[in-house]
Amino acid sequence: MKDSTGNPLLIKSLNHISLVCRSVEESIDFYQNVLGFVPIRRPGSFDFDGAWLFGHGMGIHLLQSEDPESMPKKTEINPKDNHISFQCESMGAVEKKLKEMEISYVRSMVEEGGIHVDQLFFHDPDGFMVEICDCDNLPVIPLAGEVARSCSRLNLPMVQHQQQIRVIQQ
C-alpha cells in the first residue's frame, strides 16, 4: 500500500457534489445553460428522480426533493454561505452574461498582499450559492511548505507530493 501520510484516504480528486432540488428540470436548465454542464447517463437502477451532469472536471448530481414545498427558499446572497466556486477566464464577460440573463448577483473582492481576487456570487434555482472568481490570481500557500503558484488543480498534486516527500524524509 502507498504511504498515505498527508492523504490518509488516498483521495484522487473531487468526483461530484449532490444537490437536492425543488425541480430537477429547472436545475438542469440552470447548470446546463448558465454554468455549461452537460447531462450524462445516470444509472437506471435508481428508484428516485434525478439527473447527472458533468463539466469542468466534476459532476453535479441533482436529486428531486420528495417534498419540494418544504425546502427553504434563500433570497439573500451571502458570500459567507455554503457555496461552490468556479474559476473563469474573464470576470467582465461573466458579469456581462449574468446581467444579460437577469441573474441577481453580489460582487466581492479579496485583497491579500497587493493581489486582488474578484468574486461574483449568485444562487441556483434552489438557493444554492455559486461563486465565479479569478482565484488563480491568489497563490496557494500551504501553512507549512512550498508555495504553489496558483489554485489551479495542476499545482496541488505537486504540493501534496512535496509534502509527502518531506514527511517520508523526516
N, C-alpha and C. Protein backbone atom coordinates (compact mmCIF):
# COMPACT_ATOMS: atom_id res chain seq x y z
N MET A 1 0.84 -1.20 0.00
CA MET A 1 0.00 0.00 0.00
C MET A 1 0.88 1.24 0.00
N LYS A 2 0.43 2.25 -0.74
CA LYS A 2 1.17 3.52 -0.80
C LYS A 2 1.24 4.15 0.58
N ASP A 3 2.29 4.93 0.81
CA ASP A 3 2.37 5.73 2.02
C ASP A 3 1.30 6.81 1.92
N SER A 4 0.36 6.80 2.84
CA SER A 4 -0.78 7.71 2.74
C SER A 4 -0.64 8.92 3.67
N THR A 5 0.55 9.19 4.17
CA THR A 5 0.76 10.35 5.02
C THR A 5 0.33 11.61 4.26
N GLY A 6 -0.49 12.42 4.86
CA GLY A 6 -0.98 13.63 4.21
C GLY A 6 -2.20 13.39 3.34
N ASN A 7 -2.51 12.14 3.05
CA ASN A 7 -3.69 11.78 2.27
C ASN A 7 -4.15 10.40 2.75
N PRO A 8 -4.61 10.32 4.01
CA PRO A 8 -4.89 9.01 4.61
C PRO A 8 -5.94 8.18 3.86
N LEU A 9 -6.85 8.80 3.14
CA LEU A 9 -7.87 8.05 2.41
C LEU A 9 -7.49 7.83 0.95
N LEU A 10 -6.29 8.28 0.56
CA LEU A 10 -5.79 8.13 -0.81
C LEU A 10 -6.76 8.74 -1.83
N ILE A 11 -7.27 9.92 -1.52
CA ILE A 11 -8.21 10.61 -2.40
C ILE A 11 -7.48 11.11 -3.63
N LYS A 12 -8.11 10.90 -4.81
CA LYS A 12 -7.52 11.33 -6.07
C LYS A 12 -8.06 12.67 -6.54
N SER A 13 -9.37 12.88 -6.40
CA SER A 13 -9.96 14.12 -6.92
C SER A 13 -11.40 14.23 -6.43
N LEU A 14 -11.98 15.40 -6.64
CA LEU A 14 -13.40 15.60 -6.39
C LEU A 14 -14.16 14.93 -7.52
N ASN A 15 -15.15 14.10 -7.20
CA ASN A 15 -15.93 13.43 -8.23
C ASN A 15 -17.20 14.20 -8.55
N HIS A 16 -18.00 14.50 -7.52
CA HIS A 16 -19.25 15.23 -7.75
C HIS A 16 -19.74 15.85 -6.45
N ILE A 17 -20.67 16.76 -6.61
CA ILE A 17 -21.46 17.24 -5.48
C ILE A 17 -22.90 16.82 -5.78
N SER A 18 -23.66 16.67 -4.73
CA SER A 18 -25.05 16.24 -4.87
C SER A 18 -25.94 17.32 -4.28
N LEU A 19 -26.96 17.72 -5.04
CA LEU A 19 -27.85 18.79 -4.61
C LEU A 19 -29.31 18.35 -4.70
N VAL A 20 -30.05 18.56 -3.63
CA VAL A 20 -31.49 18.28 -3.62
C VAL A 20 -32.20 19.48 -4.23
N CYS A 21 -33.13 19.21 -5.16
CA CYS A 21 -33.78 20.26 -5.95
C CYS A 21 -35.29 20.26 -5.78
N ARG A 22 -35.88 21.44 -5.87
CA ARG A 22 -37.34 21.55 -5.98
C ARG A 22 -37.80 20.97 -7.31
N SER A 23 -37.05 21.31 -8.38
CA SER A 23 -37.38 20.86 -9.72
C SER A 23 -36.08 20.48 -10.44
N VAL A 24 -35.91 19.18 -10.68
CA VAL A 24 -34.72 18.71 -11.38
C VAL A 24 -34.63 19.38 -12.75
N GLU A 25 -35.77 19.57 -13.42
CA GLU A 25 -35.76 20.16 -14.76
C GLU A 25 -35.23 21.60 -14.73
N GLU A 26 -35.68 22.40 -13.77
CA GLU A 26 -35.19 23.78 -13.65
C GLU A 26 -33.70 23.81 -13.34
N SER A 27 -33.26 22.88 -12.50
CA SER A 27 -31.84 22.84 -12.14
C SER A 27 -30.99 22.38 -13.31
N ILE A 28 -31.47 21.42 -14.09
CA ILE A 28 -30.74 21.00 -15.29
C ILE A 28 -30.56 22.21 -16.21
N ASP A 29 -31.63 22.96 -16.41
CA ASP A 29 -31.58 24.14 -17.28
C ASP A 29 -30.52 25.12 -16.78
N PHE A 30 -30.50 25.38 -15.47
CA PHE A 30 -29.54 26.32 -14.90
C PHE A 30 -28.11 25.82 -15.08
N TYR A 31 -27.83 24.59 -14.63
CA TYR A 31 -26.45 24.10 -14.68
C TYR A 31 -25.96 23.89 -16.12
N GLN A 32 -26.88 23.60 -17.02
CA GLN A 32 -26.51 23.43 -18.42
C GLN A 32 -26.32 24.79 -19.11
N ASN A 33 -27.29 25.68 -18.97
CA ASN A 33 -27.28 26.92 -19.75
C ASN A 33 -26.56 28.09 -19.09
N VAL A 34 -26.35 28.03 -17.79
CA VAL A 34 -25.62 29.10 -17.11
C VAL A 34 -24.17 28.69 -16.87
N LEU A 35 -23.97 27.47 -16.37
CA LEU A 35 -22.61 27.05 -16.00
C LEU A 35 -21.94 26.11 -16.99
N GLY A 36 -22.66 25.68 -18.03
CA GLY A 36 -22.04 24.89 -19.08
C GLY A 36 -21.86 23.41 -18.79
N PHE A 37 -22.62 22.86 -17.84
CA PHE A 37 -22.56 21.42 -17.58
C PHE A 37 -23.36 20.68 -18.64
N VAL A 38 -23.02 19.41 -18.82
CA VAL A 38 -23.67 18.57 -19.84
C VAL A 38 -24.36 17.40 -19.13
N PRO A 39 -25.64 17.14 -19.45
CA PRO A 39 -26.30 15.96 -18.86
C PRO A 39 -25.60 14.68 -19.32
N ILE A 40 -25.42 13.76 -18.38
CA ILE A 40 -24.80 12.47 -18.70
C ILE A 40 -25.70 11.34 -18.20
N ARG A 41 -25.42 10.13 -18.66
CA ARG A 41 -26.22 8.96 -18.29
C ARG A 41 -26.15 8.72 -16.78
N ARG A 42 -27.29 8.42 -16.21
CA ARG A 42 -27.43 8.13 -14.78
C ARG A 42 -27.86 6.67 -14.66
N PRO A 43 -27.32 5.93 -13.69
CA PRO A 43 -27.71 4.52 -13.56
C PRO A 43 -29.23 4.34 -13.49
N GLY A 44 -29.75 3.42 -14.27
CA GLY A 44 -31.18 3.15 -14.31
C GLY A 44 -31.71 2.43 -13.09
N SER A 45 -30.81 1.95 -12.24
CA SER A 45 -31.25 1.21 -11.06
C SER A 45 -31.75 2.10 -9.93
N PHE A 46 -31.54 3.42 -10.05
CA PHE A 46 -32.03 4.33 -9.02
C PHE A 46 -33.55 4.34 -9.03
N ASP A 47 -34.15 4.34 -7.85
CA ASP A 47 -35.62 4.36 -7.75
C ASP A 47 -36.12 5.73 -7.31
N PHE A 48 -35.38 6.77 -7.66
CA PHE A 48 -35.79 8.14 -7.33
C PHE A 48 -35.41 9.03 -8.51
N ASP A 49 -36.13 10.17 -8.62
CA ASP A 49 -35.88 11.10 -9.73
C ASP A 49 -34.61 11.89 -9.50
N GLY A 50 -33.93 12.14 -10.58
CA GLY A 50 -32.71 12.94 -10.50
C GLY A 50 -32.06 13.03 -11.87
N ALA A 51 -30.89 13.65 -11.89
CA ALA A 51 -30.12 13.79 -13.12
C ALA A 51 -28.66 13.97 -12.76
N TRP A 52 -27.80 13.52 -13.66
CA TRP A 52 -26.37 13.71 -13.50
C TRP A 52 -25.89 14.64 -14.60
N LEU A 53 -25.01 15.56 -14.22
CA LEU A 53 -24.38 16.46 -15.18
C LEU A 53 -22.88 16.43 -14.96
N PHE A 54 -22.14 16.76 -16.00
CA PHE A 54 -20.69 16.77 -15.89
C PHE A 54 -20.13 17.99 -16.61
N GLY A 55 -19.11 18.58 -16.02
CA GLY A 55 -18.42 19.70 -16.64
C GLY A 55 -17.31 20.20 -15.74
N HIS A 56 -16.32 20.82 -16.35
CA HIS A 56 -15.24 21.46 -15.59
C HIS A 56 -14.51 20.46 -14.69
N GLY A 57 -14.47 19.20 -15.13
CA GLY A 57 -13.74 18.18 -14.39
C GLY A 57 -14.47 17.59 -13.20
N MET A 58 -15.75 17.86 -13.07
CA MET A 58 -16.51 17.34 -11.92
C MET A 58 -17.97 17.10 -12.30
N GLY A 59 -18.64 16.34 -11.48
CA GLY A 59 -20.05 16.06 -11.69
C GLY A 59 -20.94 16.81 -10.71
N ILE A 60 -22.16 17.04 -11.14
CA ILE A 60 -23.21 17.54 -10.25
C ILE A 60 -24.36 16.56 -10.36
N HIS A 61 -24.75 15.99 -9.22
CA HIS A 61 -25.86 15.05 -9.18
C HIS A 61 -27.06 15.77 -8.57
N LEU A 62 -28.11 15.88 -9.35
CA LEU A 62 -29.33 16.56 -8.92
C LEU A 62 -30.33 15.53 -8.44
N LEU A 63 -30.88 15.74 -7.27
CA LEU A 63 -31.84 14.82 -6.67
C LEU A 63 -33.16 15.54 -6.47
N GLN A 64 -34.24 14.97 -6.98
CA GLN A 64 -35.56 15.57 -6.81
C GLN A 64 -35.99 15.46 -5.36
N SER A 65 -36.35 16.59 -4.75
CA SER A 65 -36.84 16.59 -3.38
C SER A 65 -38.15 15.81 -3.30
N GLU A 66 -38.30 15.06 -2.24
CA GLU A 66 -39.56 14.33 -2.01
C GLU A 66 -40.66 15.28 -1.56
N ASP A 67 -40.26 16.43 -1.01
CA ASP A 67 -41.23 17.43 -0.55
C ASP A 67 -40.73 18.82 -0.93
N PRO A 68 -40.83 19.18 -2.22
CA PRO A 68 -40.26 20.44 -2.69
C PRO A 68 -40.80 21.68 -1.98
N GLU A 69 -42.06 21.64 -1.58
CA GLU A 69 -42.66 22.82 -0.94
C GLU A 69 -42.06 23.10 0.43
N SER A 70 -41.47 22.09 1.06
CA SER A 70 -40.90 22.30 2.40
C SER A 70 -39.45 22.79 2.34
N MET A 71 -38.87 22.83 1.15
CA MET A 71 -37.49 23.29 1.04
C MET A 71 -37.41 24.79 1.31
N PRO A 72 -36.45 25.22 2.14
CA PRO A 72 -36.32 26.65 2.42
C PRO A 72 -35.92 27.40 1.16
N LYS A 73 -36.43 28.61 1.03
CA LYS A 73 -36.11 29.44 -0.13
C LYS A 73 -35.18 30.56 0.30
N LYS A 74 -33.94 30.52 -0.19
CA LYS A 74 -32.98 31.57 0.13
C LYS A 74 -33.12 32.69 -0.88
N THR A 75 -33.16 33.90 -0.37
CA THR A 75 -33.22 35.05 -1.27
C THR A 75 -31.98 35.93 -1.11
N GLU A 76 -31.46 36.04 0.12
CA GLU A 76 -30.28 36.86 0.35
C GLU A 76 -29.04 36.15 -0.18
N ILE A 77 -28.25 36.88 -0.95
CA ILE A 77 -26.99 36.33 -1.46
C ILE A 77 -25.91 36.69 -0.44
N ASN A 78 -25.46 35.70 0.30
CA ASN A 78 -24.49 35.89 1.37
C ASN A 78 -23.20 35.14 1.01
N PRO A 79 -22.14 35.84 0.63
CA PRO A 79 -20.90 35.17 0.24
C PRO A 79 -20.31 34.25 1.30
N LYS A 80 -20.75 34.40 2.55
CA LYS A 80 -20.25 33.53 3.61
C LYS A 80 -21.08 32.27 3.78
N ASP A 81 -22.07 32.05 2.90
CA ASP A 81 -22.88 30.84 2.96
C ASP A 81 -22.16 29.71 2.23
N ASN A 82 -22.63 28.47 2.42
CA ASN A 82 -22.08 27.33 1.68
C ASN A 82 -22.16 27.63 0.19
N HIS A 83 -21.08 27.30 -0.53
CA HIS A 83 -21.10 27.54 -1.97
C HIS A 83 -20.05 26.69 -2.68
N ILE A 84 -20.18 26.65 -3.98
CA ILE A 84 -19.18 26.03 -4.84
C ILE A 84 -18.61 27.15 -5.70
N SER A 85 -17.31 27.08 -5.95
CA SER A 85 -16.65 28.16 -6.67
C SER A 85 -16.01 27.64 -7.96
N PHE A 86 -16.17 28.43 -9.01
CA PHE A 86 -15.56 28.12 -10.31
C PHE A 86 -14.67 29.27 -10.71
N GLN A 87 -13.51 28.95 -11.26
CA GLN A 87 -12.61 29.96 -11.81
C GLN A 87 -13.04 30.26 -13.23
N CYS A 88 -12.80 31.49 -13.65
CA CYS A 88 -13.18 31.86 -15.02
C CYS A 88 -12.03 32.55 -15.72
N GLU A 89 -12.19 32.73 -17.01
CA GLU A 89 -11.17 33.40 -17.80
C GLU A 89 -11.35 34.91 -17.79
N SER A 90 -12.60 35.40 -17.69
CA SER A 90 -12.86 36.83 -17.75
C SER A 90 -14.02 37.20 -16.84
N MET A 91 -13.71 37.91 -15.76
CA MET A 91 -14.76 38.34 -14.84
C MET A 91 -15.72 39.31 -15.53
N GLY A 92 -15.19 40.15 -16.40
CA GLY A 92 -16.04 41.09 -17.13
C GLY A 92 -17.06 40.36 -17.99
N ALA A 93 -16.62 39.31 -18.68
CA ALA A 93 -17.53 38.54 -19.53
C ALA A 93 -18.59 37.84 -18.69
N VAL A 94 -18.20 37.32 -17.52
CA VAL A 94 -19.16 36.64 -16.64
C VAL A 94 -20.20 37.64 -16.15
N GLU A 95 -19.75 38.78 -15.68
CA GLU A 95 -20.68 39.79 -15.16
C GLU A 95 -21.65 40.25 -16.25
N LYS A 96 -21.14 40.46 -17.45
CA LYS A 96 -21.99 40.87 -18.57
C LYS A 96 -23.05 39.80 -18.86
N LYS A 97 -22.63 38.53 -18.86
CA LYS A 97 -23.56 37.44 -19.15
C LYS A 97 -24.62 37.31 -18.05
N LEU A 98 -24.21 37.45 -16.78
CA LEU A 98 -25.18 37.38 -15.69
C LEU A 98 -26.24 38.49 -15.83
N LYS A 99 -25.79 39.69 -16.21
CA LYS A 99 -26.73 40.79 -16.43
C LYS A 99 -27.68 40.48 -17.57
N GLU A 100 -27.14 39.95 -18.68
CA GLU A 100 -27.98 39.58 -19.83
C GLU A 100 -29.02 38.53 -19.44
N MET A 101 -28.63 37.58 -18.59
CA MET A 101 -29.52 36.50 -18.17
C MET A 101 -30.44 36.93 -17.03
N GLU A 102 -30.26 38.17 -16.56
CA GLU A 102 -31.04 38.73 -15.46
C GLU A 102 -30.93 37.88 -14.19
N ILE A 103 -29.71 37.45 -13.90
CA ILE A 103 -29.42 36.69 -12.69
C ILE A 103 -28.86 37.66 -11.67
N SER A 104 -29.52 37.76 -10.51
CA SER A 104 -29.05 38.63 -9.44
C SER A 104 -27.74 38.09 -8.87
N TYR A 105 -26.81 38.99 -8.58
CA TYR A 105 -25.52 38.57 -8.05
C TYR A 105 -24.98 39.64 -7.11
N VAL A 106 -23.99 39.24 -6.34
CA VAL A 106 -23.28 40.15 -5.44
C VAL A 106 -21.81 40.08 -5.83
N ARG A 107 -21.21 41.25 -5.95
CA ARG A 107 -19.79 41.34 -6.29
C ARG A 107 -18.99 41.50 -4.99
N SER A 108 -17.85 40.84 -4.94
CA SER A 108 -16.97 40.96 -3.79
C SER A 108 -15.52 40.95 -4.29
N MET A 109 -14.61 41.36 -3.40
CA MET A 109 -13.20 41.36 -3.77
C MET A 109 -12.37 41.01 -2.55
N VAL A 110 -11.39 40.16 -2.76
CA VAL A 110 -10.45 39.78 -1.71
C VAL A 110 -9.11 40.38 -2.08
N GLU A 111 -8.44 40.96 -1.09
CA GLU A 111 -7.12 41.53 -1.33
C GLU A 111 -6.16 40.92 -0.33
N GLU A 112 -5.04 40.44 -0.83
CA GLU A 112 -4.03 39.85 0.04
C GLU A 112 -2.66 40.20 -0.53
N GLY A 113 -1.89 40.97 0.20
CA GLY A 113 -0.54 41.30 -0.22
C GLY A 113 -0.47 41.98 -1.58
N GLY A 114 -1.44 42.83 -1.87
CA GLY A 114 -1.45 43.53 -3.15
C GLY A 114 -2.07 42.74 -4.29
N ILE A 115 -2.48 41.52 -4.03
CA ILE A 115 -3.13 40.70 -5.05
C ILE A 115 -4.64 40.80 -4.85
N HIS A 116 -5.36 41.05 -5.93
CA HIS A 116 -6.81 41.19 -5.87
C HIS A 116 -7.49 40.00 -6.55
N VAL A 117 -8.52 39.48 -5.90
CA VAL A 117 -9.35 38.42 -6.47
C VAL A 117 -10.78 38.94 -6.52
N ASP A 118 -11.35 38.99 -7.71
CA ASP A 118 -12.74 39.40 -7.86
C ASP A 118 -13.64 38.18 -7.76
N GLN A 119 -14.80 38.36 -7.16
CA GLN A 119 -15.76 37.28 -6.96
C GLN A 119 -17.15 37.76 -7.30
N LEU A 120 -17.94 36.88 -7.91
CA LEU A 120 -19.36 37.11 -8.15
C LEU A 120 -20.11 35.94 -7.53
N PHE A 121 -21.14 36.24 -6.73
CA PHE A 121 -21.93 35.22 -6.06
C PHE A 121 -23.37 35.31 -6.54
N PHE A 122 -23.99 34.15 -6.79
CA PHE A 122 -25.40 34.10 -7.18
C PHE A 122 -25.95 32.73 -6.81
N HIS A 123 -27.27 32.61 -6.88
CA HIS A 123 -27.94 31.37 -6.49
C HIS A 123 -28.38 30.56 -7.69
N ASP A 124 -28.41 29.24 -7.48
CA ASP A 124 -29.07 28.37 -8.45
C ASP A 124 -30.57 28.43 -8.15
N PRO A 125 -31.43 27.74 -8.90
CA PRO A 125 -32.88 27.85 -8.67
C PRO A 125 -33.35 27.48 -7.26
N ASP A 126 -32.52 26.71 -6.53
CA ASP A 126 -32.91 26.28 -5.18
C ASP A 126 -32.20 27.07 -4.08
N GLY A 127 -31.48 28.10 -4.46
CA GLY A 127 -30.82 28.93 -3.47
C GLY A 127 -29.42 28.47 -3.10
N PHE A 128 -28.89 27.45 -3.78
CA PHE A 128 -27.52 27.04 -3.52
C PHE A 128 -26.59 28.07 -4.15
N MET A 129 -25.59 28.51 -3.38
CA MET A 129 -24.70 29.59 -3.81
C MET A 129 -23.65 29.09 -4.79
N VAL A 130 -23.46 29.89 -5.83
CA VAL A 130 -22.40 29.66 -6.81
C VAL A 130 -21.51 30.89 -6.81
N GLU A 131 -20.20 30.67 -6.82
CA GLU A 131 -19.22 31.75 -6.92
C GLU A 131 -18.45 31.57 -8.22
N ILE A 132 -18.22 32.68 -8.90
CA ILE A 132 -17.32 32.71 -10.04
C ILE A 132 -16.21 33.69 -9.65
N CYS A 133 -14.95 33.27 -9.85
CA CYS A 133 -13.85 34.13 -9.42
C CYS A 133 -12.67 34.04 -10.38
N ASP A 134 -11.72 34.93 -10.14
CA ASP A 134 -10.43 34.83 -10.81
C ASP A 134 -9.39 34.45 -9.75
N CYS A 135 -9.71 33.38 -9.03
CA CYS A 135 -8.92 32.93 -7.88
C CYS A 135 -7.51 32.50 -8.25
N ASP A 136 -7.25 32.24 -9.53
CA ASP A 136 -5.89 31.89 -9.95
C ASP A 136 -4.90 33.00 -9.63
N ASN A 137 -5.40 34.23 -9.41
CA ASN A 137 -4.52 35.34 -9.07
C ASN A 137 -3.88 35.16 -7.69
N LEU A 138 -4.55 34.42 -6.82
CA LEU A 138 -4.09 34.27 -5.44
C LEU A 138 -3.30 32.98 -5.30
N PRO A 139 -2.03 33.06 -4.89
CA PRO A 139 -1.26 31.82 -4.76
C PRO A 139 -1.78 30.98 -3.61
N VAL A 140 -1.66 29.68 -3.77
CA VAL A 140 -1.98 28.74 -2.70
C VAL A 140 -0.70 28.57 -1.89
N ILE A 141 -0.77 28.93 -0.63
CA ILE A 141 0.41 28.86 0.23
C ILE A 141 0.09 27.92 1.39
N PRO A 142 0.61 26.69 1.32
CA PRO A 142 0.38 25.77 2.44
C PRO A 142 0.92 26.39 3.74
N LEU A 143 0.30 26.05 4.85
CA LEU A 143 0.73 26.61 6.13
C LEU A 143 2.16 26.18 6.47
N ALA A 144 2.59 25.04 5.94
CA ALA A 144 3.97 24.60 6.11
C ALA A 144 4.42 24.03 4.77
N GLY A 145 5.44 24.64 4.20
CA GLY A 145 5.96 24.05 2.97
C GLY A 145 6.10 25.03 1.83
N GLU A 146 6.10 24.48 0.65
CA GLU A 146 6.36 25.23 -0.57
C GLU A 146 5.17 26.07 -1.00
N VAL A 147 5.41 27.03 -1.89
CA VAL A 147 4.37 27.88 -2.45
C VAL A 147 3.96 27.31 -3.79
N ALA A 148 2.68 27.09 -3.98
CA ALA A 148 2.16 26.75 -5.30
C ALA A 148 1.85 28.06 -5.99
N ARG A 149 1.94 28.12 -7.29
CA ARG A 149 1.80 29.39 -7.99
C ARG A 149 0.35 29.87 -8.09
N SER A 150 -0.59 28.95 -8.14
CA SER A 150 -2.00 29.34 -8.24
C SER A 150 -2.84 28.22 -7.68
N CYS A 151 -4.16 28.43 -7.65
CA CYS A 151 -5.01 27.38 -7.13
C CYS A 151 -5.50 26.44 -8.23
N SER A 152 -4.86 26.47 -9.39
CA SER A 152 -5.25 25.53 -10.44
C SER A 152 -4.91 24.12 -9.96
N ARG A 153 -5.70 23.17 -10.36
CA ARG A 153 -5.55 21.81 -9.84
C ARG A 153 -4.25 21.16 -10.27
N LEU A 154 -3.57 21.71 -11.27
CA LEU A 154 -2.29 21.14 -11.70
C LEU A 154 -1.22 21.31 -10.65
N ASN A 155 -1.29 22.38 -9.86
CA ASN A 155 -0.26 22.65 -8.88
C ASN A 155 -0.46 21.91 -7.56
N LEU A 156 -1.68 21.61 -7.20
CA LEU A 156 -1.93 21.00 -5.91
C LEU A 156 -1.29 19.62 -5.77
N PRO A 157 -1.38 18.73 -6.76
CA PRO A 157 -0.70 17.44 -6.60
C PRO A 157 0.80 17.63 -6.37
N MET A 158 1.40 18.66 -6.99
CA MET A 158 2.81 18.93 -6.79
C MET A 158 3.07 19.28 -5.32
N VAL A 159 2.23 20.12 -4.74
CA VAL A 159 2.39 20.50 -3.34
C VAL A 159 2.19 19.29 -2.44
N GLN A 160 1.14 18.49 -2.70
CA GLN A 160 0.90 17.29 -1.89
C GLN A 160 2.08 16.34 -1.99
N HIS A 161 2.61 16.17 -3.20
CA HIS A 161 3.75 15.28 -3.40
C HIS A 161 4.96 15.77 -2.62
N GLN A 162 5.23 17.10 -2.68
CA GLN A 162 6.36 17.67 -1.95
C GLN A 162 6.19 17.49 -0.45
N GLN A 163 4.95 17.64 0.04
CA GLN A 163 4.70 17.44 1.46
C GLN A 163 4.93 15.98 1.84
N GLN A 164 4.52 15.06 1.00
CA GLN A 164 4.72 13.63 1.27
C GLN A 164 6.20 13.29 1.30
N ILE A 165 6.97 13.86 0.37
CA ILE A 165 8.41 13.61 0.33
C ILE A 165 9.06 14.10 1.62
N ARG A 166 8.68 15.32 2.07
CA ARG A 166 9.26 15.86 3.30
C ARG A 166 8.92 14.96 4.49
N VAL A 167 7.67 14.47 4.56
CA VAL A 167 7.26 13.62 5.68
C VAL A 167 8.04 12.31 5.66
N ILE A 168 8.19 11.72 4.48
CA ILE A 168 8.91 10.45 4.36
C ILE A 168 10.38 10.64 4.72
N GLN A 169 10.98 11.78 4.35
CA GLN A 169 12.39 12.03 4.61
C GLN A 169 12.64 12.30 6.08
N GLN A 170 11.66 12.77 6.82
CA GLN A 170 11.88 13.15 8.22
C GLN A 170 12.03 11.96 9.13
